[in-house]
């Protein structure tokens, strides 16, 4: 493995009689911190798991934990090209491209929409690291999957050995990263002698929520796990989460005490905070983003975490979360995409 450098460590995990390898790319553990000022405003005991601080120059957030497993699998399969997809300012696509280059492989990104007039924020990082970028117009996540398969065939025809990573890194392999993350958080929680009533996490492409759900089940946590969808209707994202859980259970070495697969009704996902669509900021989300920045000096992103925080604040206001409750917010990163909005800040309700 010396051809890939010495900037990461390798970790092995037993999978039946095989070994499931993981690269250590993230800076861990990430902090578990109180949000004292915002908690006082909301009259709750509010904490944050800072997975926006997983490290490296591209601020990859939650994506790096997934990529530790996915890129290890790609290396094990002899890939020389990594293909993935996402929105034009995709944090996942940018992080995949950057880490792929650091492994000496070739990143190919299939981004939704048309080529932008200006190369800003995550698109600029894609350009700087030398990613090969294509654009297309999917109407549904399944079309993203189909487009990745077609692009992989094109790469094979050119003599490359492609490895496909789905949108958000959300499949069984990527999900393993958030089983690890939950175990990490739970150890911190115990050390700080904390007990949470609620946990909030963004349910974007499904893999992060799936891993947290599995970790939550594994330690038999008493908190209520709530997901906020910034993209898909509740039923659809639940189905994607369950698919990730099914796949991860065939790979995970951890004992996850699930009695069969979770049913749709076992997952608590709110889709009321999507607004007019994916990656389209909402006034409520932008307000939550501004409050978080001004009270705690922590940046959310307009695509995912701002909408999740807006959901948390709304459910407190409506009494679904009682005043005085102890609440954990999983911050999954993504703030660099904000810099693509700087000239349209007031348009999106940013003031």
C-alpha atoms as a PDB file:
ATOM      1  CA  UNK A   1       0.000   0.000   0.000  1.00  0.00           C
ATOM      2  CA  UNK A   2       3.030   2.317   0.049  1.00  0.00           C
ATOM      3  CA  UNK A   3       2.090   3.694  -3.384  1.00  0.00           C
ATOM      4  CA  UNK A   4      -0.827   5.493  -1.754  1.00  0.00           C
ATOM      5  CA  UNK A   5       1.357   7.353   0.726  1.00  0.00           C
ATOM      6  CA  UNK A   6       1.472   7.308   4.510  1.00  0.00           C
ATOM      7  CA  UNK A   7      -1.046  10.019   5.347  1.00  0.00           C
ATOM      8  CA  UNK A   8      -3.707   7.579   6.527  1.00  0.00           C
ATOM      9  CA  UNK A   9      -3.905   4.468   8.660  1.00  0.00           C
ATOM     10  CA  UNK A  10      -5.659   1.233   7.801  1.00  0.00           C
ATOM     11  CA  UNK A  11      -8.067  -0.473  10.172  1.00  0.00           C
ATOM     12  CA  UNK A  12      -9.346  -4.010   9.692  1.00  0.00           C
ATOM     13  CA  UNK A  13     -12.707  -5.308  10.843  1.00  0.00           C
ATOM     14  CA  UNK A  14     -13.808  -8.921  10.748  1.00  0.00           C
ATOM     15  CA  UNK A  15     -16.766  -9.657   8.466  1.00  0.00           C
ATOM     16  CA  UNK A  16     -17.581 -13.302   8.933  1.00  0.00           C
ATOM     17  CA  UNK A  17     -14.389 -14.996   7.743  1.00  0.00           C
ATOM     18  CA  UNK A  18     -13.336 -12.024   5.658  1.00  0.00           C
ATOM     19  CA  UNK A  19     -11.826  -8.676   6.526  1.00  0.00           C
ATOM     20  CA  UNK A  20     -13.730  -5.420   6.030  1.00  0.00           C
ATOM     21  CA  UNK A  21     -11.101  -2.723   5.763  1.00  0.00           C
ATOM     22  CA  UNK A  22     -11.409   0.920   6.730  1.00  0.00           C
ATOM     23  CA  UNK A  23      -9.108   3.824   5.987  1.00  0.00           C
ATOM     24  CA  UNK A  24      -8.707   6.331   8.801  1.00  0.00           C
ATOM     25  CA  UNK A  25      -9.225   9.627   6.982  1.00  0.00           C
ATOM     26  CA  UNK A  26     -11.222  11.658   9.504  1.00  0.00           C
ATOM     27  CA  UNK A  27      -9.995  13.426  12.614  1.00  0.00           C
ATOM     28  CA  UNK A  28     -11.762  11.599  15.415  1.00  0.00           C
ATOM     29  CA  UNK A  29     -13.359  11.766  17.846  1.00  0.00           C
ATOM     30  CA  UNK A  30     -15.258  14.882  16.869  1.00  0.00           C
ATOM     31  CA  UNK A  31     -16.391  17.043  19.804  1.00  0.00           C
ATOM     32  CA  UNK A  32     -19.656  16.666  21.697  1.00  0.00           C
ATOM     33  CA  UNK A  33     -20.393  20.184  22.905  1.00  0.00           C
ATOM     34  CA  UNK A  34     -23.160  22.159  24.624  1.00  0.00           C
ATOM     35  CA  UNK A  35     -24.984  24.867  22.676  1.00  0.00           C
ATOM     36  CA  UNK A  36     -25.525  26.979  25.768  1.00  0.00           C
ATOM     37  CA  UNK A  37     -26.716  30.250  24.258  1.00  0.00           C
ATOM     38  CA  UNK A  38     -29.052  28.720  21.684  1.00  0.00           C
ATOM     39  CA  UNK A  39     -30.318  26.271  24.299  1.00  0.00           C
ATOM     40  CA  UNK A  40     -31.206  29.180  26.574  1.00  0.00           C
ATOM     41  CA  UNK A  41     -33.131  30.857  23.739  1.00  0.00           C
ATOM     42  CA  UNK A  42     -35.101  27.675  23.071  1.00  0.00           C
ATOM     43  CA  UNK A  43     -35.323  26.755  26.782  1.00  0.00           C
ATOM     44  CA  UNK A  44     -33.915  23.288  26.196  1.00  0.00           C
ATOM     45  CA  UNK A  45     -30.639  21.564  27.106  1.00  0.00           C
ATOM     46  CA  UNK A  46     -29.078  21.545  23.644  1.00  0.00           C
ATOM     47  CA  UNK A  47     -25.919  19.703  22.560  1.00  0.00           C
ATOM     48  CA  UNK A  48     -24.174  19.239  19.214  1.00  0.00           C
ATOM     49  CA  UNK A  49     -22.071  16.411  17.796  1.00  0.00           C
ATOM     50  CA  UNK A  50     -19.555  18.327  15.693  1.00  0.00           C
ATOM     51  CA  UNK A  51     -19.186  16.064  12.680  1.00  0.00           C
ATOM     52  CA  UNK A  52     -18.588  19.211  10.677  1.00  0.00           C
ATOM     53  CA  UNK A  53     -15.083  18.962  12.194  1.00  0.00           C
ATOM     54  CA  UNK A  54     -13.983  15.634  10.729  1.00  0.00           C
ATOM     55  CA  UNK A  55     -11.104  17.555   9.224  1.00  0.00           C
ATOM     56  CA  UNK A  56      -8.988  17.901   6.064  1.00  0.00           C
ATOM     57  CA  UNK A  57      -8.791  20.841   3.729  1.00  0.00           C
ATOM     58  CA  UNK A  58     -12.148  20.230   2.072  1.00  0.00           C
ATOM     59  CA  UNK A  59     -14.283  20.236   5.262  1.00  0.00           C
ATOM     60  CA  UNK A  60     -15.956  16.980   4.329  1.00  0.00           C
ATOM     61  CA  UNK A  61     -18.271  16.691   7.338  1.00  0.00           C
ATOM     62  CA  UNK A  62     -20.177  13.422   7.604  1.00  0.00           C
ATOM     63  CA  UNK A  63     -19.017  12.269   4.173  1.00  0.00           C
ATOM     64  CA  UNK A  64     -15.508  11.328   5.348  1.00  0.00           C
ATOM     65  CA  UNK A  65     -16.701   8.666   7.775  1.00  0.00           C
ATOM     66  CA  UNK A  66     -18.535   6.938   4.919  1.00  0.00           C
ATOM     67  CA  UNK A  67     -15.611   7.320   2.551  1.00  0.00           C
ATOM     68  CA  UNK A  68     -13.277   5.587   5.000  1.00  0.00           C
ATOM     69  CA  UNK A  69     -15.070   2.354   4.142  1.00  0.00           C
ATOM     70  CA  UNK A  70     -16.045   3.076   0.555  1.00  0.00           C
ATOM     71  CA  UNK A  71     -12.575   4.079  -0.624  1.00  0.00           C
ATOM     72  CA  UNK A  72     -11.003   1.133   1.210  1.00  0.00           C
ATOM     73  CA  UNK A  73     -13.390  -1.146  -0.680  1.00  0.00           C
ATOM     74  CA  UNK A  74     -12.483   0.592  -3.946  1.00  0.00           C
ATOM     75  CA  UNK A  75      -8.768  -0.026  -3.326  1.00  0.00           C
ATOM     76  CA  UNK A  76      -9.434  -3.640  -2.414  1.00  0.00           C
ATOM     77  CA  UNK A  77     -11.266  -4.109  -5.711  1.00  0.00           C
ATOM     78  CA  UNK A  78      -8.384  -2.641  -7.705  1.00  0.00           C
ATOM     79  CA  UNK A  79     -10.202   0.500  -8.866  1.00  0.00           C
ATOM     80  CA  UNK A  80      -8.301   3.327 -10.525  1.00  0.00           C
ATOM     81  CA  UNK A  81     -11.338   5.592 -11.026  1.00  0.00           C
ATOM     82  CA  UNK A  82     -13.983   6.708  -8.532  1.00  0.00           C
ATOM     83  CA  UNK A  83     -17.370   7.824  -9.881  1.00  0.00           C
ATOM     84  CA  UNK A  84     -20.041   9.543  -7.817  1.00  0.00           C
ATOM     85  CA  UNK A  85     -22.907  11.988  -8.153  1.00  0.00           C
ATOM     86  CA  UNK A  86     -24.702  14.822  -6.402  1.00  0.00           C
ATOM     87  CA  UNK A  87     -25.987  18.347  -6.784  1.00  0.00           C
ATOM     88  CA  UNK A  88     -23.867  21.070  -8.391  1.00  0.00           C
ATOM     89  CA  UNK A  89     -22.529  22.165  -4.978  1.00  0.00           C
ATOM     90  CA  UNK A  90     -22.463  18.650  -3.537  1.00  0.00           C
ATOM     91  CA  UNK A  91     -20.338  18.394  -0.399  1.00  0.00           C
ATOM     92  CA  UNK A  92     -20.187  14.630  -0.926  1.00  0.00           C
ATOM     93  CA  UNK A  93     -18.961  14.904  -4.522  1.00  0.00           C
ATOM     94  CA  UNK A  94     -16.309  17.469  -3.632  1.00  0.00           C
ATOM     95  CA  UNK A  95     -15.040  15.467  -0.666  1.00  0.00           C
ATOM     96  CA  UNK A  96     -14.963  12.256  -2.702  1.00  0.00           C
ATOM     97  CA  UNK A  97     -12.982  13.999  -5.436  1.00  0.00           C
ATOM     98  CA  UNK A  98     -10.421  15.418  -3.033  1.00  0.00           C
ATOM     99  CA  UNK A  99      -9.826  12.201  -1.100  1.00  0.00           C
ATOM    100  CA  UNK A 100      -9.755  10.189  -4.320  1.00  0.00           C
ATOM    101  CA  UNK A 101      -6.912  12.376  -5.591  1.00  0.00           C
ATOM    102  CA  UNK A 102      -5.029  11.919  -2.334  1.00  0.00           C
ATOM    103  CA  UNK A 103      -5.173   8.168  -2.927  1.00  0.00           C
ATOM    104  CA  UNK A 104      -3.712   8.606  -6.399  1.00  0.00           C
ATOM    105  CA  UNK A 105      -6.967   7.640  -8.140  1.00  0.00           C
ATOM    106  CA  UNK A 106      -9.011   9.508 -10.758  1.00  0.00           C
ATOM    107  CA  UNK A 107     -12.243  11.228  -9.586  1.00  0.00           C
ATOM    108  CA  UNK A 108     -15.192  11.539 -11.952  1.00  0.00           C
ATOM    109  CA  UNK A 109     -18.210  13.567 -10.813  1.00  0.00           C
ATOM    110  CA  UNK A 110     -21.669  13.467 -12.362  1.00  0.00           C
ATOM    111  CA  UNK A 111     -23.403  16.616 -11.129  1.00  0.00           C
ATOM    112  CA  UNK A 112     -27.066  17.495 -11.631  1.00  0.00           C
ATOM    113  CA  UNK A 113     -27.935  20.592 -13.609  1.00  0.00           C
ATOM    114  CA  UNK A 114     -26.055  22.565 -16.226  1.00  0.00           C
ATOM    115  CA  UNK A 115     -22.498  23.893 -16.072  1.00  0.00           C
ATOM    116  CA  UNK A 116     -22.474  27.065 -13.953  1.00  0.00           C
ATOM    117  CA  UNK A 117     -21.576  30.474 -15.274  1.00  0.00           C
ATOM    118  CA  UNK A 118     -19.189  30.942 -12.349  1.00  0.00           C
ATOM    119  CA  UNK A 119     -17.038  28.359 -10.599  1.00  0.00           C
ATOM    120  CA  UNK A 120     -17.597  29.009  -6.909  1.00  0.00           C
ATOM    121  CA  UNK A 121     -17.452  27.240  -3.534  1.00  0.00           C
ATOM    122  CA  UNK A 122     -17.373  23.426  -3.874  1.00  0.00           C
ATOM    123  CA  UNK A 123     -17.216  23.648  -7.669  1.00  0.00           C
ATOM    124  CA  UNK A 124     -14.010  25.636  -7.329  1.00  0.00           C
ATOM    125  CA  UNK A 125     -12.539  22.921  -5.087  1.00  0.00           C
ATOM    126  CA  UNK A 126     -13.501  20.289  -7.664  1.00  0.00           C
ATOM    127  CA  UNK A 127     -11.584  22.250 -10.273  1.00  0.00           C
ATOM    128  CA  UNK A 128      -8.563  22.825  -8.044  1.00  0.00           C
ATOM    129  CA  UNK A 129      -8.155  19.145  -7.179  1.00  0.00           C
ATOM    130  CA  UNK A 130      -8.499  18.147 -10.826  1.00  0.00           C
ATOM    131  CA  UNK A 131     -11.792  16.261 -10.846  1.00  0.00           C
ATOM    132  CA  UNK A 132     -13.374  15.251 -14.157  1.00  0.00           C
ATOM    133  CA  UNK A 133     -16.871  16.748 -14.074  1.00  0.00           C
ATOM    134  CA  UNK A 134     -19.954  15.878 -16.156  1.00  0.00           C
ATOM    135  CA  UNK A 135     -23.455  17.378 -15.900  1.00  0.00           C
ATOM    136  CA  UNK A 136     -26.885  15.796 -16.357  1.00  0.00           C
ATOM    137  CA  UNK A 137     -30.547  16.366 -15.447  1.00  0.00           C
ATOM    138  CA  UNK A 138     -31.955  13.633 -13.196  1.00  0.00           C
ATOM    139  CA  UNK A 139     -35.562  13.850 -12.046  1.00  0.00           C
ATOM    140  CA  UNK A 140     -35.318  11.084  -9.473  1.00  0.00           C
ATOM    141  CA  UNK A 141     -32.609   9.350  -7.369  1.00  0.00           C
ATOM    142  CA  UNK A 142     -33.058   6.179  -9.443  1.00  0.00           C
ATOM    143  CA  UNK A 143     -32.002   8.145 -12.501  1.00  0.00           C
ATOM    144  CA  UNK A 144     -28.817   9.092 -10.647  1.00  0.00           C
ATOM    145  CA  UNK A 145     -28.084   5.404 -10.085  1.00  0.00           C
ATOM    146  CA  UNK A 146     -28.737   4.564 -13.738  1.00  0.00           C
ATOM    147  CA  UNK A 147     -26.550   7.435 -14.940  1.00  0.00           C
ATOM    148  CA  UNK A 148     -23.660   6.262 -12.750  1.00  0.00           C
ATOM    149  CA  UNK A 149     -23.895   2.773 -14.248  1.00  0.00           C
ATOM    150  CA  UNK A 150     -23.825   4.181 -17.794  1.00  0.00           C
ATOM    151  CA  UNK A 151     -20.838   6.380 -16.992  1.00  0.00           C
ATOM    152  CA  UNK A 152     -19.010   3.425 -15.445  1.00  0.00           C
ATOM    153  CA  UNK A 153     -19.480   1.473 -18.685  1.00  0.00           C
ATOM    154  CA  UNK A 154     -18.026   4.402 -20.619  1.00  0.00           C
ATOM    155  CA  UNK A 155     -15.018   4.420 -18.297  1.00  0.00           C
ATOM    156  CA  UNK A 156     -14.526   0.660 -18.755  1.00  0.00           C
ATOM    157  CA  UNK A 157     -14.585   1.143 -22.515  1.00  0.00           C
ATOM    158  CA  UNK A 158     -11.689   3.583 -22.076  1.00  0.00           C
ATOM    159  CA  UNK A 159      -9.710   0.949 -20.201  1.00  0.00           C
ATOM    160  CA  UNK A 160     -10.357   2.270 -16.687  1.00  0.00           C
ATOM    161  CA  UNK A 161     -11.409   0.309 -13.614  1.00  0.00           C
ATOM    162  CA  UNK A 162     -14.257   2.353 -12.136  1.00  0.00           C
ATOM    163  CA  UNK A 163     -15.798   2.064  -8.690  1.00  0.00           C
ATOM    164  CA  UNK A 164     -19.242   3.592  -8.164  1.00  0.00           C
ATOM    165  CA  UNK A 165     -20.111   5.473  -4.982  1.00  0.00           C
ATOM    166  CA  UNK A 166     -23.841   6.338  -4.856  1.00  0.00           C
ATOM    167  CA  UNK A 167     -25.231   9.759  -4.054  1.00  0.00           C
ATOM    168  CA  UNK A 168     -24.226  10.777  -0.539  1.00  0.00           C
ATOM    169  CA  UNK A 169     -22.131   7.632  -0.145  1.00  0.00           C
ATOM    170  CA  UNK A 170     -25.354   6.035   1.049  1.00  0.00           C
ATOM    171  CA  UNK A 171     -25.274   2.274   0.791  1.00  0.00           C
ATOM    172  CA  UNK A 172     -24.507  -0.534   3.211  1.00  0.00           C
ATOM    173  CA  UNK A 173     -20.756   0.079   3.151  1.00  0.00           C
ATOM    174  CA  UNK A 174     -21.063   3.829   3.736  1.00  0.00           C
ATOM    175  CA  UNK A 175     -23.561   3.219   6.533  1.00  0.00           C
ATOM    176  CA  UNK A 176     -20.871   1.450   8.573  1.00  0.00           C
ATOM    177  CA  UNK A 177     -19.192   4.807   9.145  1.00  0.00           C
ATOM    178  CA  UNK A 178     -22.147   6.048  11.162  1.00  0.00           C
ATOM    179  CA  UNK A 179     -22.467   2.925  13.249  1.00  0.00           C
ATOM    180  CA  UNK A 180     -18.917   3.818  14.299  1.00  0.00           C
ATOM    181  CA  UNK A 181     -19.909   7.465  14.816  1.00  0.00           C
ATOM    182  CA  UNK A 182     -22.793   6.561  17.097  1.00  0.00           C
ATOM    183  CA  UNK A 183     -20.587   4.367  19.248  1.00  0.00           C
ATOM    184  CA  UNK A 184     -18.120   7.254  19.495  1.00  0.00           C
ATOM    185  CA  UNK A 185     -20.848   9.693  20.534  1.00  0.00           C
ATOM    186  CA  UNK A 186     -22.344   7.288  23.053  1.00  0.00           C
ATOM    187  CA  UNK A 187     -18.992   6.858  24.786  1.00  0.00           C
ATOM    188  CA  UNK A 188     -18.655  10.653  25.010  1.00  0.00           C
ATOM    189  CA  UNK A 189     -22.209  10.901  26.331  1.00  0.00           C
ATOM    190  CA  UNK A 190     -21.469   8.427  29.083  1.00  0.00           C
ATOM    191  CA  UNK A 191     -18.208  10.152  30.015  1.00  0.00           C
ATOM    192  CA  UNK A 192     -20.089  13.452  30.351  1.00  0.00           C
ATOM    193  CA  UNK A 193     -22.931  11.713  32.212  1.00  0.00           C
ATOM    194  CA  UNK A 194     -25.519  12.965  29.735  1.00  0.00           C
ATOM    195  CA  UNK A 195     -28.921  11.589  28.830  1.00  0.00           C
ATOM    196  CA  UNK A 196     -30.737  12.794  25.719  1.00  0.00           C
ATOM    197  CA  UNK A 197     -34.487  12.862  25.211  1.00  0.00           C
ATOM    198  CA  UNK A 198     -34.242  13.577  21.472  1.00  0.00           C
ATOM    199  CA  UNK A 199     -31.621  13.334  18.735  1.00  0.00           C
ATOM    200  CA  UNK A 200     -31.914  15.231  15.458  1.00  0.00           C
ATOM    201  CA  UNK A 201     -30.109  14.292  12.256  1.00  0.00           C
ATOM    202  CA  UNK A 202     -30.530  15.220   8.608  1.00  0.00           C
ATOM    203  CA  UNK A 203     -31.956  12.399   6.476  1.00  0.00           C
ATOM    204  CA  UNK A 204     -30.599  13.389   3.063  1.00  0.00           C
ATOM    205  CA  UNK A 205     -29.632  10.330   1.023  1.00  0.00           C
ATOM    206  CA  UNK A 206     -30.218   7.887   3.887  1.00  0.00           C
ATOM    207  CA  UNK A 207     -26.844   6.426   4.863  1.00  0.00           C
ATOM    208  CA  UNK A 208     -26.012   8.702   7.794  1.00  0.00           C
ATOM    209  CA  UNK A 209     -29.447   8.283   9.367  1.00  0.00           C
ATOM    210  CA  UNK A 210     -29.279   4.517   8.766  1.00  0.00           C
ATOM    211  CA  UNK A 211     -25.959   4.203  10.585  1.00  0.00           C
ATOM    212  CA  UNK A 212     -27.106   6.380  13.467  1.00  0.00           C
ATOM    213  CA  UNK A 213     -30.308   4.350  13.713  1.00  0.00           C
ATOM    214  CA  UNK A 214     -28.323   1.108  13.851  1.00  0.00           C
ATOM    215  CA  UNK A 215     -25.958   2.530  16.462  1.00  0.00           C
ATOM    216  CA  UNK A 216     -28.925   3.839  18.437  1.00  0.00           C
ATOM    217  CA  UNK A 217     -30.444   0.369  18.415  1.00  0.00           C
ATOM    218  CA  UNK A 218     -27.159  -1.329  19.276  1.00  0.00           C
ATOM    219  CA  UNK A 219     -26.733   0.604  22.539  1.00  0.00           C
ATOM    220  CA  UNK A 220     -30.491   0.538  23.234  1.00  0.00           C
ATOM    221  CA  UNK A 221     -30.576   4.320  23.537  1.00  0.00           C
ATOM    222  CA  UNK A 222     -33.590   5.796  25.297  1.00  0.00           C
ATOM    223  CA  UNK A 223     -33.686   8.966  23.168  1.00  0.00           C
ATOM    224  CA  UNK A 224     -36.175   9.481  20.329  1.00  0.00           C
ATOM    225  CA  UNK A 225     -34.320   9.664  17.016  1.00  0.00           C
ATOM    226  CA  UNK A 226     -35.774  12.227  14.607  1.00  0.00           C
ATOM    227  CA  UNK A 227     -34.740  12.767  10.992  1.00  0.00           C
ATOM    228  CA  UNK A 228     -35.468  15.840   8.889  1.00  0.00           C
ATOM    229  CA  UNK A 229     -35.553  15.346   5.126  1.00  0.00           C
ATOM    230  CA  UNK A 230     -34.251  18.225   2.979  1.00  0.00           C
ATOM    231  CA  UNK A 231     -34.879  16.399  -0.287  1.00  0.00           C
ATOM    232  CA  UNK A 232     -37.213  13.404  -0.547  1.00  0.00           C
ATOM    233  CA  UNK A 233     -40.767  12.761   0.689  1.00  0.00           C
ATOM    234  CA  UNK A 234     -40.880  10.913   3.993  1.00  0.00           C
ATOM    235  CA  UNK A 235     -41.917   7.544   2.536  1.00  0.00           C
ATOM    236  CA  UNK A 236     -39.178   7.578  -0.085  1.00  0.00           C
ATOM    237  CA  UNK A 237     -36.332   8.500   2.251  1.00  0.00           C
ATOM    238  CA  UNK A 238     -37.530   5.880   4.746  1.00  0.00           C
ATOM    239  CA  UNK A 239     -37.332   3.235   2.028  1.00  0.00           C
ATOM    240  CA  UNK A 240     -33.767   4.315   1.187  1.00  0.00           C
ATOM    241  CA  UNK A 241     -32.799   4.203   4.875  1.00  0.00           C
ATOM    242  CA  UNK A 242     -34.183   0.685   5.246  1.00  0.00           C
ATOM    243  CA  UNK A 243     -32.262  -0.428   2.134  1.00  0.00           C
ATOM    244  CA  UNK A 244     -29.041   0.920   3.683  1.00  0.00           C
ATOM    245  CA  UNK A 245     -29.776  -0.874   6.961  1.00  0.00           C
ATOM    246  CA  UNK A 246     -30.434  -4.174   5.183  1.00  0.00           C
ATOM    247  CA  UNK A 247     -27.164  -3.917   3.291  1.00  0.00           C
ATOM    248  CA  UNK A 248     -25.152  -2.779   6.315  1.00  0.00           C
ATOM    249  CA  UNK A 249     -26.379  -5.673   8.435  1.00  0.00           C
ATOM    250  CA  UNK A 250     -24.712  -8.084   6.020  1.00  0.00           C
ATOM    251  CA  UNK A 251     -21.396  -6.228   6.471  1.00  0.00           C
ATOM    252  CA  UNK A 252     -21.289  -4.988  10.034  1.00  0.00           C
ATOM    253  CA  UNK A 253     -19.256  -6.836  12.618  1.00  0.00           C
ATOM    254  CA  UNK A 254     -21.185  -5.192  15.412  1.00  0.00           C
ATOM    255  CA  UNK A 255     -24.044  -6.936  17.166  1.00  0.00           C
ATOM    256  CA  UNK A 256     -27.035  -4.821  16.211  1.00  0.00           C
ATOM    257  CA  UNK A 257     -30.118  -5.998  18.133  1.00  0.00           C
ATOM    258  CA  UNK A 258     -32.787  -5.432  15.511  1.00  0.00           C
ATOM    259  CA  UNK A 259     -35.761  -7.797  15.483  1.00  0.00           C
ATOM    260  CA  UNK A 260     -36.030  -8.100  11.734  1.00  0.00           C
ATOM    261  CA  UNK A 261     -35.834  -5.018   9.534  1.00  0.00           C
ATOM    262  CA  UNK A 262     -37.367  -1.768  10.783  1.00  0.00           C
ATOM    263  CA  UNK A 263     -40.791  -0.972   9.367  1.00  0.00           C
ATOM    264  CA  UNK A 264     -41.516   2.410   7.811  1.00  0.00           C
ATOM    265  CA  UNK A 265     -43.499   3.410  10.897  1.00  0.00           C
ATOM    266  CA  UNK A 266     -40.458   2.722  13.106  1.00  0.00           C
ATOM    267  CA  UNK A 267     -38.632   5.661  11.531  1.00  0.00           C
ATOM    268  CA  UNK A 268     -39.506   9.203  12.568  1.00  0.00           C
ATOM    269  CA  UNK A 269     -38.821  11.436   9.549  1.00  0.00           C
ATOM    270  CA  UNK A 270     -40.235  14.914   8.938  1.00  0.00           C
ATOM    271  CA  UNK A 271     -40.488  16.175   5.360  1.00  0.00           C
ATOM    272  CA  UNK A 272     -42.340  19.413   6.154  1.00  0.00           C
ATOM    273  CA  UNK A 273     -39.162  21.497   6.053  1.00  0.00           C
ATOM    274  CA  UNK A 274     -38.033  20.783   2.478  1.00  0.00           C
ATOM    275  CA  UNK A 275     -39.536  24.004   1.135  1.00  0.00           C
ATOM    276  CA  UNK A 276     -39.610  24.397  -2.639  1.00  0.00           C
ATOM    277  CA  UNK A 277     -37.047  21.675  -3.269  1.00  0.00           C
ATOM    278  CA  UNK A 278     -33.599  20.232  -2.777  1.00  0.00           C
ATOM    279  CA  UNK A 279     -30.798  22.767  -2.274  1.00  0.00           C
ATOM    280  CA  UNK A 280     -33.343  25.614  -2.301  1.00  0.00           C
ATOM    281  CA  UNK A 281     -33.017  27.581   0.935  1.00  0.00           C
ATOM    282  CA  UNK A 282     -36.078  28.282   3.045  1.00  0.00           C
ATOM    283  CA  UNK A 283     -36.657  31.467   5.084  1.00  0.00           C
ATOM    284  CA  UNK A 284     -36.954  29.319   8.225  1.00  0.00           C
ATOM    285  CA  UNK A 285     -33.731  27.502   7.434  1.00  0.00           C
ATOM    286  CA  UNK A 286     -31.850  30.719   6.757  1.00  0.00           C
ATOM    287  CA  UNK A 287     -33.149  32.167  10.022  1.00  0.00           C
ATOM    288  CA  UNK A 288     -31.950  29.084  11.882  1.00  0.00           C
ATOM    289  CA  UNK A 289     -28.591  29.377  10.133  1.00  0.00           C
ATOM    290  CA  UNK A 290     -28.229  33.019  11.183  1.00  0.00           C
ATOM    291  CA  UNK A 291     -29.220  32.308  14.788  1.00  0.00           C
ATOM    292  CA  UNK A 292     -26.745  29.427  15.038  1.00  0.00           C
ATOM    293  CA  UNK A 293     -23.974  31.626  13.633  1.00  0.00           C
ATOM    294  CA  UNK A 294     -24.730  34.633  15.814  1.00  0.00           C
ATOM    295  CA  UNK A 295     -25.335  32.729  19.059  1.00  0.00           C
ATOM    296  CA  UNK A 296     -22.806  29.890  18.767  1.00  0.00           C
ATOM    297  CA  UNK A 297     -20.377  30.936  15.980  1.00  0.00           C
ATOM    298  CA  UNK A 298     -21.108  27.655  14.197  1.00  0.00           C
ATOM    299  CA  UNK A 299     -21.971  27.578  10.495  1.00  0.00           C
ATOM    300  CA  UNK A 300     -24.766  25.379   9.230  1.00  0.00           C
ATOM    301  CA  UNK A 301     -25.377  24.824   5.519  1.00  0.00           C
ATOM    302  CA  UNK A 302     -28.492  25.897   3.643  1.00  0.00           C
ATOM    303  CA  UNK A 303     -29.048  22.537   1.916  1.00  0.00           C
ATOM    304  CA  UNK A 304     -29.153  20.161   4.887  1.00  0.00           C
ATOM    305  CA  UNK A 305     -28.368  21.232   8.438  1.00  0.00           C
ATOM    306  CA  UNK A 306     -30.140  24.613   8.391  1.00  0.00           C
ATOM    307  CA  UNK A 307     -33.399  22.884   7.468  1.00  0.00           C
ATOM    308  CA  UNK A 308     -32.840  20.304  10.194  1.00  0.00           C
ATOM    309  CA  UNK A 309     -32.195  22.996  12.797  1.00  0.00           C
ATOM    310  CA  UNK A 310     -35.288  24.847  11.556  1.00  0.00           C
ATOM    311  CA  UNK A 311     -37.273  21.644  12.125  1.00  0.00           C
ATOM    312  CA  UNK A 312     -35.857  21.281  15.628  1.00  0.00           C
ATOM    313  CA  UNK A 313     -36.738  24.879  16.505  1.00  0.00           C
ATOM    314  CA  UNK A 314     -40.237  24.533  15.055  1.00  0.00           C
ATOM    315  CA  UNK A 315     -40.951  21.340  16.985  1.00  0.00           C
ATOM    316  CA  UNK A 316     -39.838  23.053  20.195  1.00  0.00           C
ATOM    317  CA  UNK A 317     -42.142  25.978  19.416  1.00  0.00           C
ATOM    318  CA  UNK A 318     -45.054  23.616  18.752  1.00  0.00           C
ATOM    319  CA  UNK A 319     -44.470  21.706  21.986  1.00  0.00           C
ATOM    320  CA  UNK A 320     -43.587  18.418  20.302  1.00  0.00           C
ATOM    321  CA  UNK A 321     -40.284  18.810  22.134  1.00  0.00           C
ATOM    322  CA  UNK A 322     -41.079  19.997  25.637  1.00  0.00           C
ATOM    323  CA  UNK A 323     -39.207  22.911  27.159  1.00  0.00           C
ATOM    324  CA  UNK A 324     -36.456  21.580  29.388  1.00  0.00           C
ATOM    325  CA  UNK A 325     -35.828  18.528  27.192  1.00  0.00           C
ATOM    326  CA  UNK A 326     -32.270  17.414  26.501  1.00  0.00           C
ATOM    327  CA  UNK A 327     -31.631  17.407  22.744  1.00  0.00           C
ATOM    328  CA  UNK A 328     -28.658  16.344  20.606  1.00  0.00           C
ATOM    329  CA  UNK A 329     -28.173  17.886  17.166  1.00  0.00           C
ATOM    330  CA  UNK A 330     -25.921  15.976  14.752  1.00  0.00           C
ATOM    331  CA  UNK A 331     -24.030  18.594  12.715  1.00  0.00           C
ATOM    332  CA  UNK A 332     -23.098  16.847   9.468  1.00  0.00           C
ATOM    333  CA  UNK A 333     -21.196  19.739   7.864  1.00  0.00           C
ATOM    334  CA  UNK A 334     -21.489  21.241   4.385  1.00  0.00           C
ATOM    335  CA  UNK A 335     -20.918  24.939   5.107  1.00  0.00           C
ATOM    336  CA  UNK A 336     -18.588  25.601   2.101  1.00  0.00           C
ATOM    337  CA  UNK A 337     -21.641  25.490  -0.173  1.00  0.00           C
ATOM    338  CA  UNK A 338     -22.819  28.714   1.473  1.00  0.00           C
ATOM    339  CA  UNK A 339     -20.256  30.673  -0.493  1.00  0.00           C
ATOM    340  CA  UNK A 340     -22.172  29.978  -3.686  1.00  0.00           C
ATOM    341  CA  UNK A 341     -25.052  32.029  -2.208  1.00  0.00           C
ATOM    342  CA  UNK A 342     -23.199  35.180  -1.279  1.00  0.00           C
ATOM    343  CA  UNK A 343     -24.656  37.325  -4.083  1.00  0.00           C
ATOM    344  CA  UNK A 344     -28.205  36.011  -3.473  1.00  0.00           C
ATOM    345  CA  UNK A 345     -28.242  36.181   0.305  1.00  0.00           C
ATOM    346  CA  UNK A 346     -31.139  38.637   0.638  1.00  0.00           C
ATOM    347  CA  UNK A 347     -33.143  36.782  -2.025  1.00  0.00           C
ATOM    348  CA  UNK A 348     -33.182  33.687   0.185  1.00  0.00           C
ATOM    349  CA  UNK A 349     -34.278  35.525   3.296  1.00  0.00           C
ATOM    350  CA  UNK A 350     -30.772  36.043   4.638  1.00  0.00           C
ATOM    351  CA  UNK A 351     -31.293  39.732   5.329  1.00  0.00           C
END
